[in-house]
Amino acid sequence: MKEKEIVKADHKAILDMVEPDSSVLDLGCGDGDLLDLLVREKNVRGQGIEIDEQAIYRCVARGLSVLHGDIDTGLSEYKDKAFDCVILNQSLQQLRHVETVLNDALRVGKRVIIGFPNFAHFSARLRLFFKGRVPVTASLPYTWYETPNLHFLSLSDFIDYCREKNIKIKRSVYFDRDKRVRFLPNLLANIGIFLISR
């Protein structure tokens, strides 16, 4: 890691879940911060998919392999188990077709890592209860009319979904900002990271 580089807690958790020298597909990779970290620290063979053209330019400037695409349209061009790991970090809640993308990710990847903000965090609950307005918090920094989020799920919602769909949760890690949460995560964590598989 570069000297004095600040790595976000969710990126550290994902870094810990990815095997060295593996193949990784990062869906909705943004500016490539996570993908770049994985390439440098774990020597992964990384590929990103991103819809924002400006973000793609920034990825390419970093030497990352990123394709322009809308992950909501599916991953039909990829073979089964084409990647050791597929990552959806901070993009699940923005998808129009969650189930289709998750099924494709689980088909294309041997393992899938999902990270998303917890809409049931106590700060969001308090703001909604006391102010009667859609909350704006550190992990949910958008006003209702600017938000890219289409789905407002909690950690418990995702766990229930996995149980219902027979998706195995192999590992989960929860954070409140940069601190690990081990007690009552659905209330106290603002981000959850899940390692899943079929």
N, C-alpha and C. Protein backbone atom coordinates (compact mmCIF):
# COMPACT_ATOMS: atom_id res chain seq x y z
N MET A 1 0.83 -1.18 0.00
CA MET A 1 0.00 0.00 0.00
C MET A 1 0.88 1.24 0.00
N LYS A 2 0.45 2.24 -0.74
CA LYS A 2 1.23 3.48 -0.78
C LYS A 2 1.27 4.09 0.61
N GLU A 3 2.40 4.75 0.91
CA GLU A 3 2.57 5.38 2.21
C GLU A 3 1.47 6.41 2.45
N LYS A 4 0.87 6.37 3.64
CA LYS A 4 -0.16 7.30 4.09
C LYS A 4 -1.45 7.21 3.27
N GLU A 5 -1.62 6.13 2.49
CA GLU A 5 -2.85 5.96 1.74
C GLU A 5 -3.98 5.60 2.72
N ILE A 6 -5.09 6.29 2.59
CA ILE A 6 -6.24 6.00 3.44
C ILE A 6 -7.16 5.08 2.65
N VAL A 7 -7.40 3.90 3.20
CA VAL A 7 -8.26 2.93 2.54
C VAL A 7 -9.56 2.83 3.32
N LYS A 8 -10.67 2.97 2.62
CA LYS A 8 -11.98 2.90 3.26
C LYS A 8 -12.19 1.52 3.87
N ALA A 9 -12.99 1.48 4.94
CA ALA A 9 -13.23 0.23 5.67
C ALA A 9 -13.82 -0.84 4.76
N ASP A 10 -14.77 -0.47 3.89
CA ASP A 10 -15.36 -1.49 3.02
C ASP A 10 -14.33 -2.05 2.04
N HIS A 11 -13.43 -1.21 1.56
CA HIS A 11 -12.38 -1.68 0.66
C HIS A 11 -11.42 -2.62 1.38
N LYS A 12 -11.10 -2.31 2.64
CA LYS A 12 -10.23 -3.20 3.43
C LYS A 12 -10.88 -4.57 3.62
N ALA A 13 -12.18 -4.57 3.91
CA ALA A 13 -12.89 -5.83 4.12
C ALA A 13 -12.92 -6.65 2.83
N ILE A 14 -13.17 -5.99 1.72
CA ILE A 14 -13.20 -6.69 0.43
C ILE A 14 -11.81 -7.20 0.08
N LEU A 15 -10.80 -6.39 0.31
CA LEU A 15 -9.42 -6.80 0.08
C LEU A 15 -9.11 -8.09 0.83
N ASP A 16 -9.60 -8.19 2.04
CA ASP A 16 -9.38 -9.37 2.87
C ASP A 16 -10.12 -10.60 2.33
N MET A 17 -11.23 -10.40 1.63
CA MET A 17 -12.04 -11.52 1.11
C MET A 17 -11.57 -12.04 -0.24
N VAL A 18 -10.77 -11.24 -0.94
CA VAL A 18 -10.31 -11.63 -2.29
C VAL A 18 -8.99 -12.37 -2.19
N GLU A 19 -8.93 -13.52 -2.87
CA GLU A 19 -7.71 -14.33 -2.88
C GLU A 19 -6.64 -13.70 -3.77
N PRO A 20 -5.36 -13.81 -3.39
CA PRO A 20 -4.29 -13.31 -4.25
C PRO A 20 -4.29 -14.00 -5.61
N ASP A 21 -3.89 -13.27 -6.63
CA ASP A 21 -3.73 -13.79 -7.99
C ASP A 21 -5.03 -14.33 -8.60
N SER A 22 -6.16 -13.86 -8.11
CA SER A 22 -7.44 -14.34 -8.65
C SER A 22 -7.93 -13.42 -9.76
N SER A 23 -8.97 -13.87 -10.45
CA SER A 23 -9.60 -13.05 -11.49
C SER A 23 -10.83 -12.40 -10.87
N VAL A 24 -10.98 -11.09 -11.10
CA VAL A 24 -12.04 -10.31 -10.45
C VAL A 24 -12.79 -9.47 -11.49
N LEU A 25 -14.12 -9.49 -11.38
CA LEU A 25 -14.97 -8.62 -12.18
C LEU A 25 -15.66 -7.67 -11.22
N ASP A 26 -15.40 -6.36 -11.37
CA ASP A 26 -15.96 -5.34 -10.48
C ASP A 26 -17.10 -4.63 -11.22
N LEU A 27 -18.33 -4.92 -10.80
CA LEU A 27 -19.51 -4.37 -11.45
C LEU A 27 -19.87 -3.02 -10.84
N GLY A 28 -19.88 -1.98 -11.68
CA GLY A 28 -20.10 -0.63 -11.18
C GLY A 28 -18.88 -0.14 -10.45
N CYS A 29 -17.73 -0.22 -11.12
CA CYS A 29 -16.44 0.02 -10.47
C CYS A 29 -16.12 1.49 -10.21
N GLY A 30 -16.95 2.41 -10.71
CA GLY A 30 -16.72 3.83 -10.46
C GLY A 30 -15.36 4.29 -10.98
N ASP A 31 -14.64 5.06 -10.17
CA ASP A 31 -13.33 5.58 -10.54
C ASP A 31 -12.22 4.54 -10.47
N GLY A 32 -12.53 3.35 -10.00
CA GLY A 32 -11.56 2.26 -9.97
C GLY A 32 -10.72 2.19 -8.71
N ASP A 33 -11.12 2.91 -7.65
CA ASP A 33 -10.34 2.89 -6.40
C ASP A 33 -10.17 1.47 -5.86
N LEU A 34 -11.26 0.72 -5.78
CA LEU A 34 -11.20 -0.64 -5.25
C LEU A 34 -10.44 -1.57 -6.19
N LEU A 35 -10.73 -1.50 -7.46
CA LEU A 35 -10.06 -2.35 -8.44
C LEU A 35 -8.56 -2.10 -8.46
N ASP A 36 -8.16 -0.85 -8.40
CA ASP A 36 -6.75 -0.48 -8.36
C ASP A 36 -6.07 -1.06 -7.11
N LEU A 37 -6.76 -0.96 -5.98
CA LEU A 37 -6.23 -1.51 -4.72
C LEU A 37 -6.04 -3.02 -4.83
N LEU A 38 -7.02 -3.71 -5.41
CA LEU A 38 -6.93 -5.17 -5.55
C LEU A 38 -5.80 -5.58 -6.49
N VAL A 39 -5.62 -4.82 -7.56
CA VAL A 39 -4.53 -5.11 -8.51
C VAL A 39 -3.18 -4.94 -7.81
N ARG A 40 -3.03 -3.85 -7.06
CA ARG A 40 -1.75 -3.57 -6.39
C ARG A 40 -1.48 -4.51 -5.22
N GLU A 41 -2.49 -4.75 -4.39
CA GLU A 41 -2.27 -5.51 -3.15
C GLU A 41 -2.43 -7.01 -3.29
N LYS A 42 -3.29 -7.45 -4.19
CA LYS A 42 -3.57 -8.89 -4.33
C LYS A 42 -3.18 -9.45 -5.68
N ASN A 43 -2.61 -8.60 -6.54
CA ASN A 43 -2.16 -9.02 -7.86
C ASN A 43 -3.27 -9.70 -8.66
N VAL A 44 -4.49 -9.17 -8.56
CA VAL A 44 -5.61 -9.76 -9.28
C VAL A 44 -5.56 -9.40 -10.75
N ARG A 45 -6.18 -10.23 -11.56
CA ARG A 45 -6.43 -9.90 -12.95
C ARG A 45 -7.83 -9.29 -12.94
N GLY A 46 -7.89 -7.97 -13.00
CA GLY A 46 -9.13 -7.26 -12.78
C GLY A 46 -9.76 -6.71 -14.04
N GLN A 47 -11.07 -6.75 -14.06
CA GLN A 47 -11.87 -6.16 -15.14
C GLN A 47 -13.01 -5.41 -14.48
N GLY A 48 -13.29 -4.21 -14.94
CA GLY A 48 -14.40 -3.44 -14.40
C GLY A 48 -15.46 -3.21 -15.45
N ILE A 49 -16.67 -2.97 -14.98
CA ILE A 49 -17.76 -2.53 -15.86
C ILE A 49 -18.35 -1.29 -15.20
N GLU A 50 -18.48 -0.23 -16.00
CA GLU A 50 -18.97 1.04 -15.47
C GLU A 50 -19.80 1.74 -16.55
N ILE A 51 -20.83 2.44 -16.13
CA ILE A 51 -21.71 3.14 -17.08
C ILE A 51 -21.30 4.60 -17.29
N ASP A 52 -20.64 5.20 -16.32
CA ASP A 52 -20.24 6.61 -16.37
C ASP A 52 -18.94 6.75 -17.18
N GLU A 53 -19.03 7.42 -18.31
CA GLU A 53 -17.87 7.55 -19.20
C GLU A 53 -16.70 8.29 -18.55
N GLN A 54 -16.98 9.33 -17.79
CA GLN A 54 -15.90 10.08 -17.13
C GLN A 54 -15.16 9.19 -16.13
N ALA A 55 -15.91 8.34 -15.42
CA ALA A 55 -15.28 7.40 -14.48
C ALA A 55 -14.41 6.40 -15.23
N ILE A 56 -14.86 5.99 -16.39
CA ILE A 56 -14.07 5.04 -17.20
C ILE A 56 -12.75 5.68 -17.61
N TYR A 57 -12.78 6.94 -18.03
CA TYR A 57 -11.53 7.64 -18.40
C TYR A 57 -10.56 7.66 -17.22
N ARG A 58 -11.09 7.91 -16.03
CA ARG A 58 -10.22 7.93 -14.85
C ARG A 58 -9.65 6.55 -14.56
N CYS A 59 -10.43 5.51 -14.79
CA CYS A 59 -9.94 4.13 -14.61
C CYS A 59 -8.82 3.82 -15.61
N VAL A 60 -9.06 4.17 -16.85
CA VAL A 60 -8.08 3.89 -17.90
C VAL A 60 -6.79 4.65 -17.62
N ALA A 61 -6.89 5.88 -17.12
CA ALA A 61 -5.70 6.66 -16.77
C ALA A 61 -4.88 5.97 -15.69
N ARG A 62 -5.53 5.13 -14.88
CA ARG A 62 -4.83 4.37 -13.84
C ARG A 62 -4.28 3.05 -14.37
N GLY A 63 -4.55 2.76 -15.63
CA GLY A 63 -4.07 1.51 -16.22
C GLY A 63 -5.01 0.34 -15.98
N LEU A 64 -6.27 0.62 -15.63
CA LEU A 64 -7.23 -0.45 -15.36
C LEU A 64 -8.01 -0.82 -16.61
N SER A 65 -8.41 -2.08 -16.68
CA SER A 65 -9.22 -2.58 -17.78
C SER A 65 -10.69 -2.44 -17.40
N VAL A 66 -11.38 -1.51 -18.05
CA VAL A 66 -12.78 -1.24 -17.72
C VAL A 66 -13.58 -1.12 -19.01
N LEU A 67 -14.73 -1.79 -19.03
CA LEU A 67 -15.62 -1.74 -20.17
C LEU A 67 -16.80 -0.82 -19.87
N HIS A 68 -17.27 -0.15 -20.91
CA HIS A 68 -18.47 0.68 -20.76
C HIS A 68 -19.68 -0.25 -20.88
N GLY A 69 -20.53 -0.23 -19.86
CA GLY A 69 -21.71 -1.08 -19.93
C GLY A 69 -22.66 -0.81 -18.79
N ASP A 70 -23.89 -1.24 -18.99
CA ASP A 70 -24.94 -1.13 -17.99
C ASP A 70 -25.15 -2.52 -17.40
N ILE A 71 -24.77 -2.72 -16.16
CA ILE A 71 -24.87 -4.06 -15.57
C ILE A 71 -26.32 -4.51 -15.42
N ASP A 72 -27.26 -3.58 -15.48
CA ASP A 72 -28.68 -3.95 -15.41
C ASP A 72 -29.13 -4.74 -16.62
N THR A 73 -28.37 -4.68 -17.71
CA THR A 73 -28.75 -5.43 -18.91
C THR A 73 -28.25 -6.86 -18.87
N GLY A 74 -27.51 -7.22 -17.83
CA GLY A 74 -27.07 -8.60 -17.66
C GLY A 74 -25.63 -8.81 -18.08
N LEU A 75 -25.18 -10.03 -17.85
CA LEU A 75 -23.79 -10.41 -18.12
C LEU A 75 -23.74 -11.60 -19.08
N SER A 76 -24.63 -11.62 -20.05
CA SER A 76 -24.76 -12.78 -20.95
C SER A 76 -23.49 -13.07 -21.75
N GLU A 77 -22.64 -12.06 -21.95
CA GLU A 77 -21.41 -12.27 -22.74
C GLU A 77 -20.33 -13.02 -21.96
N TYR A 78 -20.56 -13.25 -20.66
CA TYR A 78 -19.57 -13.97 -19.85
C TYR A 78 -20.00 -15.41 -19.61
N LYS A 79 -19.03 -16.32 -19.68
CA LYS A 79 -19.29 -17.74 -19.43
C LYS A 79 -19.48 -18.00 -17.95
N ASP A 80 -20.08 -19.14 -17.64
CA ASP A 80 -20.24 -19.58 -16.25
C ASP A 80 -18.87 -19.69 -15.58
N LYS A 81 -18.79 -19.20 -14.36
CA LYS A 81 -17.58 -19.27 -13.53
C LYS A 81 -16.36 -18.69 -14.25
N ALA A 82 -16.56 -17.65 -15.05
CA ALA A 82 -15.47 -17.00 -15.78
C ALA A 82 -14.51 -16.26 -14.85
N PHE A 83 -14.99 -15.89 -13.65
CA PHE A 83 -14.17 -15.14 -12.69
C PHE A 83 -14.17 -15.85 -11.34
N ASP A 84 -13.05 -15.72 -10.64
CA ASP A 84 -12.99 -16.25 -9.27
C ASP A 84 -13.91 -15.46 -8.36
N CYS A 85 -14.03 -14.14 -8.63
CA CYS A 85 -14.81 -13.28 -7.74
C CYS A 85 -15.48 -12.16 -8.55
N VAL A 86 -16.75 -11.93 -8.27
CA VAL A 86 -17.47 -10.80 -8.83
C VAL A 86 -17.82 -9.88 -7.67
N ILE A 87 -17.63 -8.58 -7.87
CA ILE A 87 -17.86 -7.60 -6.80
C ILE A 87 -18.95 -6.62 -7.21
N LEU A 88 -19.90 -6.40 -6.32
CA LEU A 88 -20.89 -5.32 -6.44
C LEU A 88 -20.79 -4.52 -5.16
N ASN A 89 -19.93 -3.51 -5.15
CA ASN A 89 -19.77 -2.69 -3.95
C ASN A 89 -20.42 -1.33 -4.17
N GLN A 90 -21.41 -1.03 -3.34
CA GLN A 90 -22.15 0.23 -3.40
C GLN A 90 -22.89 0.40 -4.72
N SER A 91 -23.29 -0.72 -5.35
CA SER A 91 -24.06 -0.62 -6.59
C SER A 91 -25.36 -1.41 -6.54
N LEU A 92 -25.49 -2.38 -5.63
CA LEU A 92 -26.69 -3.21 -5.55
C LEU A 92 -27.96 -2.36 -5.41
N GLN A 93 -27.93 -1.37 -4.54
CA GLN A 93 -29.11 -0.55 -4.26
C GLN A 93 -29.47 0.37 -5.42
N GLN A 94 -28.59 0.46 -6.43
CA GLN A 94 -28.85 1.33 -7.58
C GLN A 94 -29.36 0.57 -8.80
N LEU A 95 -29.44 -0.74 -8.70
CA LEU A 95 -29.86 -1.56 -9.83
C LEU A 95 -31.37 -1.52 -10.02
N ARG A 96 -31.79 -1.58 -11.27
CA ARG A 96 -33.21 -1.71 -11.57
C ARG A 96 -33.65 -3.17 -11.46
N HIS A 97 -32.77 -4.08 -11.86
CA HIS A 97 -33.11 -5.51 -11.92
C HIS A 97 -32.18 -6.31 -10.99
N VAL A 98 -32.39 -6.14 -9.71
CA VAL A 98 -31.51 -6.73 -8.70
C VAL A 98 -31.38 -8.23 -8.86
N GLU A 99 -32.50 -8.93 -8.97
CA GLU A 99 -32.46 -10.39 -9.02
C GLU A 99 -31.72 -10.89 -10.26
N THR A 100 -31.95 -10.28 -11.40
CA THR A 100 -31.28 -10.68 -12.64
C THR A 100 -29.77 -10.50 -12.50
N VAL A 101 -29.35 -9.34 -12.00
CA VAL A 101 -27.91 -9.07 -11.87
C VAL A 101 -27.27 -9.99 -10.84
N LEU A 102 -27.95 -10.22 -9.72
CA LEU A 102 -27.39 -11.13 -8.71
C LEU A 102 -27.26 -12.55 -9.25
N ASN A 103 -28.27 -13.02 -9.97
CA ASN A 103 -28.19 -14.37 -10.55
C ASN A 103 -27.05 -14.47 -11.56
N ASP A 104 -26.89 -13.42 -12.37
CA ASP A 104 -25.78 -13.40 -13.33
C ASP A 104 -24.43 -13.36 -12.62
N ALA A 105 -24.32 -12.54 -11.58
CA ALA A 105 -23.07 -12.44 -10.82
C ALA A 105 -22.72 -13.80 -10.20
N LEU A 106 -23.71 -14.48 -9.65
CA LEU A 106 -23.48 -15.80 -9.04
C LEU A 106 -23.17 -16.86 -10.09
N ARG A 107 -23.63 -16.67 -11.30
CA ARG A 107 -23.32 -17.60 -12.40
C ARG A 107 -21.90 -17.37 -12.91
N VAL A 108 -21.55 -16.10 -13.10
CA VAL A 108 -20.26 -15.72 -13.70
C VAL A 108 -19.10 -15.86 -12.71
N GLY A 109 -19.37 -15.65 -11.43
CA GLY A 109 -18.32 -15.71 -10.41
C GLY A 109 -18.43 -16.94 -9.54
N LYS A 110 -17.29 -17.46 -9.14
CA LYS A 110 -17.29 -18.57 -8.18
C LYS A 110 -17.75 -18.08 -6.82
N ARG A 111 -17.42 -16.81 -6.53
CA ARG A 111 -17.87 -16.16 -5.30
C ARG A 111 -18.26 -14.74 -5.65
N VAL A 112 -19.15 -14.17 -4.87
CA VAL A 112 -19.61 -12.80 -5.12
C VAL A 112 -19.50 -12.02 -3.81
N ILE A 113 -18.99 -10.80 -3.92
CA ILE A 113 -18.91 -9.91 -2.75
C ILE A 113 -19.86 -8.74 -2.99
N ILE A 114 -20.76 -8.54 -2.04
CA ILE A 114 -21.76 -7.48 -2.12
C ILE A 114 -21.53 -6.51 -0.97
N GLY A 115 -21.50 -5.23 -1.25
CA GLY A 115 -21.42 -4.20 -0.21
C GLY A 115 -22.46 -3.13 -0.46
N PHE A 116 -23.19 -2.74 0.58
CA PHE A 116 -24.23 -1.72 0.40
C PHE A 116 -24.50 -0.99 1.71
N PRO A 117 -25.07 0.22 1.60
CA PRO A 117 -25.41 0.97 2.81
C PRO A 117 -26.65 0.37 3.47
N ASN A 118 -26.66 0.39 4.79
CA ASN A 118 -27.77 -0.13 5.58
C ASN A 118 -28.78 0.99 5.82
N PHE A 119 -29.92 0.90 5.18
CA PHE A 119 -30.94 1.93 5.31
C PHE A 119 -31.68 1.86 6.65
N ALA A 120 -31.37 0.83 7.47
CA ALA A 120 -32.01 0.70 8.78
C ALA A 120 -31.06 1.14 9.91
N HIS A 121 -29.96 1.79 9.58
CA HIS A 121 -29.03 2.29 10.60
C HIS A 121 -29.78 3.23 11.54
N PHE A 122 -29.42 3.22 12.81
CA PHE A 122 -30.17 4.00 13.80
C PHE A 122 -30.26 5.48 13.46
N SER A 123 -29.22 6.05 12.84
CA SER A 123 -29.27 7.48 12.51
C SER A 123 -30.35 7.77 11.48
N ALA A 124 -30.51 6.86 10.51
CA ALA A 124 -31.57 7.03 9.52
C ALA A 124 -32.94 6.88 10.17
N ARG A 125 -33.06 5.91 11.08
CA ARG A 125 -34.34 5.69 11.78
C ARG A 125 -34.71 6.93 12.60
N LEU A 126 -33.73 7.48 13.33
CA LEU A 126 -34.00 8.65 14.17
C LEU A 126 -34.41 9.86 13.34
N ARG A 127 -33.71 10.09 12.25
CA ARG A 127 -34.03 11.26 11.42
C ARG A 127 -35.43 11.13 10.81
N LEU A 128 -35.76 9.92 10.39
CA LEU A 128 -37.09 9.71 9.84
C LEU A 128 -38.15 9.87 10.92
N PHE A 129 -37.89 9.34 12.11
CA PHE A 129 -38.85 9.39 13.21
C PHE A 129 -39.05 10.82 13.72
N PHE A 130 -37.94 11.51 14.01
CA PHE A 130 -38.05 12.83 14.63
C PHE A 130 -38.31 13.97 13.63
N LYS A 131 -37.72 13.87 12.46
CA LYS A 131 -37.88 14.96 11.49
C LYS A 131 -38.97 14.68 10.47
N GLY A 132 -39.32 13.39 10.33
CA GLY A 132 -40.36 13.05 9.36
C GLY A 132 -39.94 13.22 7.92
N ARG A 133 -38.63 13.18 7.69
CA ARG A 133 -38.10 13.36 6.33
C ARG A 133 -37.14 12.22 5.99
N VAL A 134 -36.98 12.00 4.69
CA VAL A 134 -36.02 10.99 4.24
C VAL A 134 -34.64 11.40 4.74
N PRO A 135 -33.94 10.49 5.41
CA PRO A 135 -32.67 10.86 6.04
C PRO A 135 -31.53 11.09 5.04
N VAL A 136 -30.66 12.02 5.40
CA VAL A 136 -29.39 12.24 4.72
C VAL A 136 -28.33 11.98 5.78
N THR A 137 -27.52 10.93 5.56
CA THR A 137 -26.51 10.54 6.54
C THR A 137 -25.17 10.36 5.83
N ALA A 138 -24.14 10.00 6.59
CA ALA A 138 -22.81 9.80 6.01
C ALA A 138 -22.83 8.70 4.95
N SER A 139 -23.54 7.61 5.21
CA SER A 139 -23.58 6.53 4.23
C SER A 139 -24.69 6.71 3.19
N LEU A 140 -25.61 7.63 3.44
CA LEU A 140 -26.70 7.96 2.51
C LEU A 140 -26.68 9.47 2.28
N PRO A 141 -25.68 9.96 1.55
CA PRO A 141 -25.44 11.40 1.49
C PRO A 141 -26.32 12.19 0.52
N TYR A 142 -27.32 11.55 -0.08
CA TYR A 142 -28.11 12.23 -1.10
C TYR A 142 -29.49 12.63 -0.59
N THR A 143 -29.99 13.75 -1.08
CA THR A 143 -31.38 14.11 -0.80
C THR A 143 -32.26 13.20 -1.65
N TRP A 144 -33.53 13.11 -1.31
CA TRP A 144 -34.42 12.17 -1.98
C TRP A 144 -34.50 12.39 -3.49
N TYR A 145 -34.36 13.63 -3.94
CA TYR A 145 -34.50 13.91 -5.37
C TYR A 145 -33.18 13.77 -6.14
N GLU A 146 -32.07 13.60 -5.44
CA GLU A 146 -30.76 13.43 -6.10
C GLU A 146 -30.23 12.00 -6.01
N THR A 147 -30.84 11.18 -5.20
CA THR A 147 -30.26 9.88 -4.90
C THR A 147 -30.24 8.93 -6.11
N PRO A 148 -29.13 8.22 -6.29
CA PRO A 148 -29.09 7.19 -7.32
C PRO A 148 -29.71 5.88 -6.82
N ASN A 149 -30.02 5.83 -5.53
CA ASN A 149 -30.54 4.60 -4.93
C ASN A 149 -31.99 4.36 -5.33
N LEU A 150 -32.26 3.13 -5.80
CA LEU A 150 -33.61 2.74 -6.17
C LEU A 150 -34.22 1.81 -5.14
N HIS A 151 -33.37 1.09 -4.41
CA HIS A 151 -33.83 0.12 -3.42
C HIS A 151 -33.27 0.51 -2.06
N PHE A 152 -34.14 0.52 -1.08
CA PHE A 152 -33.75 0.93 0.26
C PHE A 152 -33.83 -0.30 1.16
N LEU A 153 -32.72 -1.02 1.23
CA LEU A 153 -32.72 -2.28 1.96
C LEU A 153 -31.87 -2.19 3.22
N SER A 154 -32.20 -3.07 4.15
CA SER A 154 -31.42 -3.19 5.38
C SER A 154 -30.56 -4.44 5.30
N LEU A 155 -29.67 -4.58 6.25
CA LEU A 155 -28.85 -5.78 6.32
C LEU A 155 -29.74 -7.00 6.51
N SER A 156 -30.74 -6.88 7.37
CA SER A 156 -31.67 -7.99 7.61
C SER A 156 -32.46 -8.35 6.35
N ASP A 157 -32.84 -7.34 5.56
CA ASP A 157 -33.54 -7.61 4.30
C ASP A 157 -32.69 -8.49 3.38
N PHE A 158 -31.40 -8.16 3.27
CA PHE A 158 -30.52 -8.90 2.39
C PHE A 158 -30.31 -10.33 2.90
N ILE A 159 -30.15 -10.49 4.20
CA ILE A 159 -29.98 -11.82 4.79
C ILE A 159 -31.23 -12.67 4.53
N ASP A 160 -32.41 -12.08 4.71
CA ASP A 160 -33.66 -12.79 4.43
C ASP A 160 -33.76 -13.17 2.96
N TYR A 161 -33.37 -12.25 2.07
CA TYR A 161 -33.39 -12.51 0.64
C TYR A 161 -32.51 -13.72 0.30
N CYS A 162 -31.31 -13.74 0.85
CA CYS A 162 -30.39 -14.85 0.58
C CYS A 162 -30.97 -16.18 1.07
N ARG A 163 -31.56 -16.15 2.24
CA ARG A 163 -32.19 -17.37 2.79
C ARG A 163 -33.31 -17.86 1.86
N GLU A 164 -34.14 -16.93 1.42
CA GLU A 164 -35.28 -17.25 0.55
C GLU A 164 -34.83 -17.81 -0.79
N LYS A 165 -33.72 -17.30 -1.32
CA LYS A 165 -33.24 -17.70 -2.65
C LYS A 165 -32.16 -18.79 -2.60
N ASN A 166 -31.94 -19.36 -1.44
CA ASN A 166 -30.92 -20.41 -1.26
C ASN A 166 -29.52 -19.96 -1.68
N ILE A 167 -29.20 -18.73 -1.32
CA ILE A 167 -27.86 -18.19 -1.54
C ILE A 167 -27.10 -18.31 -0.23
N LYS A 168 -25.91 -18.87 -0.29
CA LYS A 168 -25.12 -19.06 0.93
C LYS A 168 -24.35 -17.79 1.27
N ILE A 169 -24.48 -17.34 2.51
CA ILE A 169 -23.65 -16.24 3.00
C ILE A 169 -22.47 -16.89 3.69
N LYS A 170 -21.30 -16.81 3.06
CA LYS A 170 -20.10 -17.45 3.60
C LYS A 170 -19.43 -16.61 4.67
N ARG A 171 -19.61 -15.29 4.54
CA ARG A 171 -18.97 -14.38 5.49
C ARG A 171 -19.66 -13.02 5.40
N SER A 172 -19.75 -12.34 6.53
CA SER A 172 -20.30 -10.98 6.52
C SER A 172 -19.51 -10.13 7.51
N VAL A 173 -19.35 -8.86 7.14
CA VAL A 173 -18.62 -7.91 7.96
C VAL A 173 -19.43 -6.62 7.94
N TYR A 174 -19.51 -5.96 9.11
CA TYR A 174 -20.33 -4.76 9.23
C TYR A 174 -19.49 -3.62 9.81
N PHE A 175 -19.79 -2.40 9.34
CA PHE A 175 -19.05 -1.23 9.80
C PHE A 175 -19.98 -0.07 10.09
N ASP A 176 -19.58 0.75 11.04
CA ASP A 176 -20.16 2.07 11.23
C ASP A 176 -19.02 3.04 10.96
N ARG A 177 -19.07 3.65 9.80
CA ARG A 177 -17.94 4.42 9.28
C ARG A 177 -16.74 3.50 9.17
N ASP A 178 -15.68 3.72 9.94
CA ASP A 178 -14.50 2.86 9.80
C ASP A 178 -14.34 1.88 10.96
N LYS A 179 -15.36 1.81 11.85
CA LYS A 179 -15.27 0.89 12.99
C LYS A 179 -16.10 -0.36 12.73
N ARG A 180 -15.53 -1.51 13.06
CA ARG A 180 -16.22 -2.79 12.90
C ARG A 180 -17.36 -2.89 13.90
N VAL A 181 -18.51 -3.38 13.45
CA VAL A 181 -19.68 -3.58 14.30
C VAL A 181 -19.93 -5.07 14.44
N ARG A 182 -19.98 -5.55 15.69
CA ARG A 182 -20.20 -6.98 15.94
C ARG A 182 -21.51 -7.25 16.66
N PHE A 183 -22.16 -6.19 17.18
CA PHE A 183 -23.37 -6.33 17.97
C PHE A 183 -24.50 -5.54 17.32
N LEU A 184 -25.65 -6.16 17.11
CA LEU A 184 -26.81 -5.52 16.50
C LEU A 184 -26.47 -4.76 15.21
N PRO A 185 -25.90 -5.44 14.22
CA PRO A 185 -25.46 -4.73 13.01
C PRO A 185 -26.60 -4.05 12.24
N ASN A 186 -27.79 -4.63 12.25
CA ASN A 186 -28.88 -4.01 11.50
C ASN A 186 -29.26 -2.65 12.07
N LEU A 187 -28.95 -2.42 13.33
CA LEU A 187 -29.22 -1.15 13.98
C LEU A 187 -28.00 -0.23 13.99
N LEU A 188 -26.81 -0.82 14.22
CA LEU A 188 -25.62 -0.02 14.49
C LEU A 188 -24.62 0.11 13.34
N ALA A 189 -24.76 -0.69 12.30
CA ALA A 189 -23.82 -0.63 11.17
C ALA A 189 -24.43 0.18 10.03
N ASN A 190 -23.62 1.01 9.40
CA ASN A 190 -24.15 1.74 8.25
C ASN A 190 -23.75 1.11 6.92
N ILE A 191 -22.84 0.11 6.96
CA ILE A 191 -22.43 -0.61 5.75
C ILE A 191 -22.29 -2.09 6.08
N GLY A 192 -22.73 -2.92 5.14
CA GLY A 192 -22.52 -4.36 5.27
C GLY A 192 -21.80 -4.89 4.05
N ILE A 193 -20.91 -5.84 4.28
CA ILE A 193 -20.18 -6.51 3.19
C ILE A 193 -20.46 -8.00 3.34
N PHE A 194 -20.90 -8.64 2.26
CA PHE A 194 -21.26 -10.05 2.29
C PHE A 194 -20.50 -10.82 1.21
N LEU A 195 -19.97 -11.96 1.58
CA LEU A 195 -19.37 -12.90 0.63
C LEU A 195 -20.38 -14.01 0.44
N ILE A 196 -20.87 -14.17 -0.80
CA ILE A 196 -21.94 -15.12 -1.06
C ILE A 196 -21.57 -16.08 -2.19
N SER A 197 -22.30 -17.19 -2.27
CA SER A 197 -22.14 -18.14 -3.36
C SER A 197 -23.40 -18.99 -3.44
N ARG A 198 -23.50 -19.77 -4.51
CA ARG A 198 -24.61 -20.71 -4.64
C ARG A 198 -24.29 -22.00 -3.91
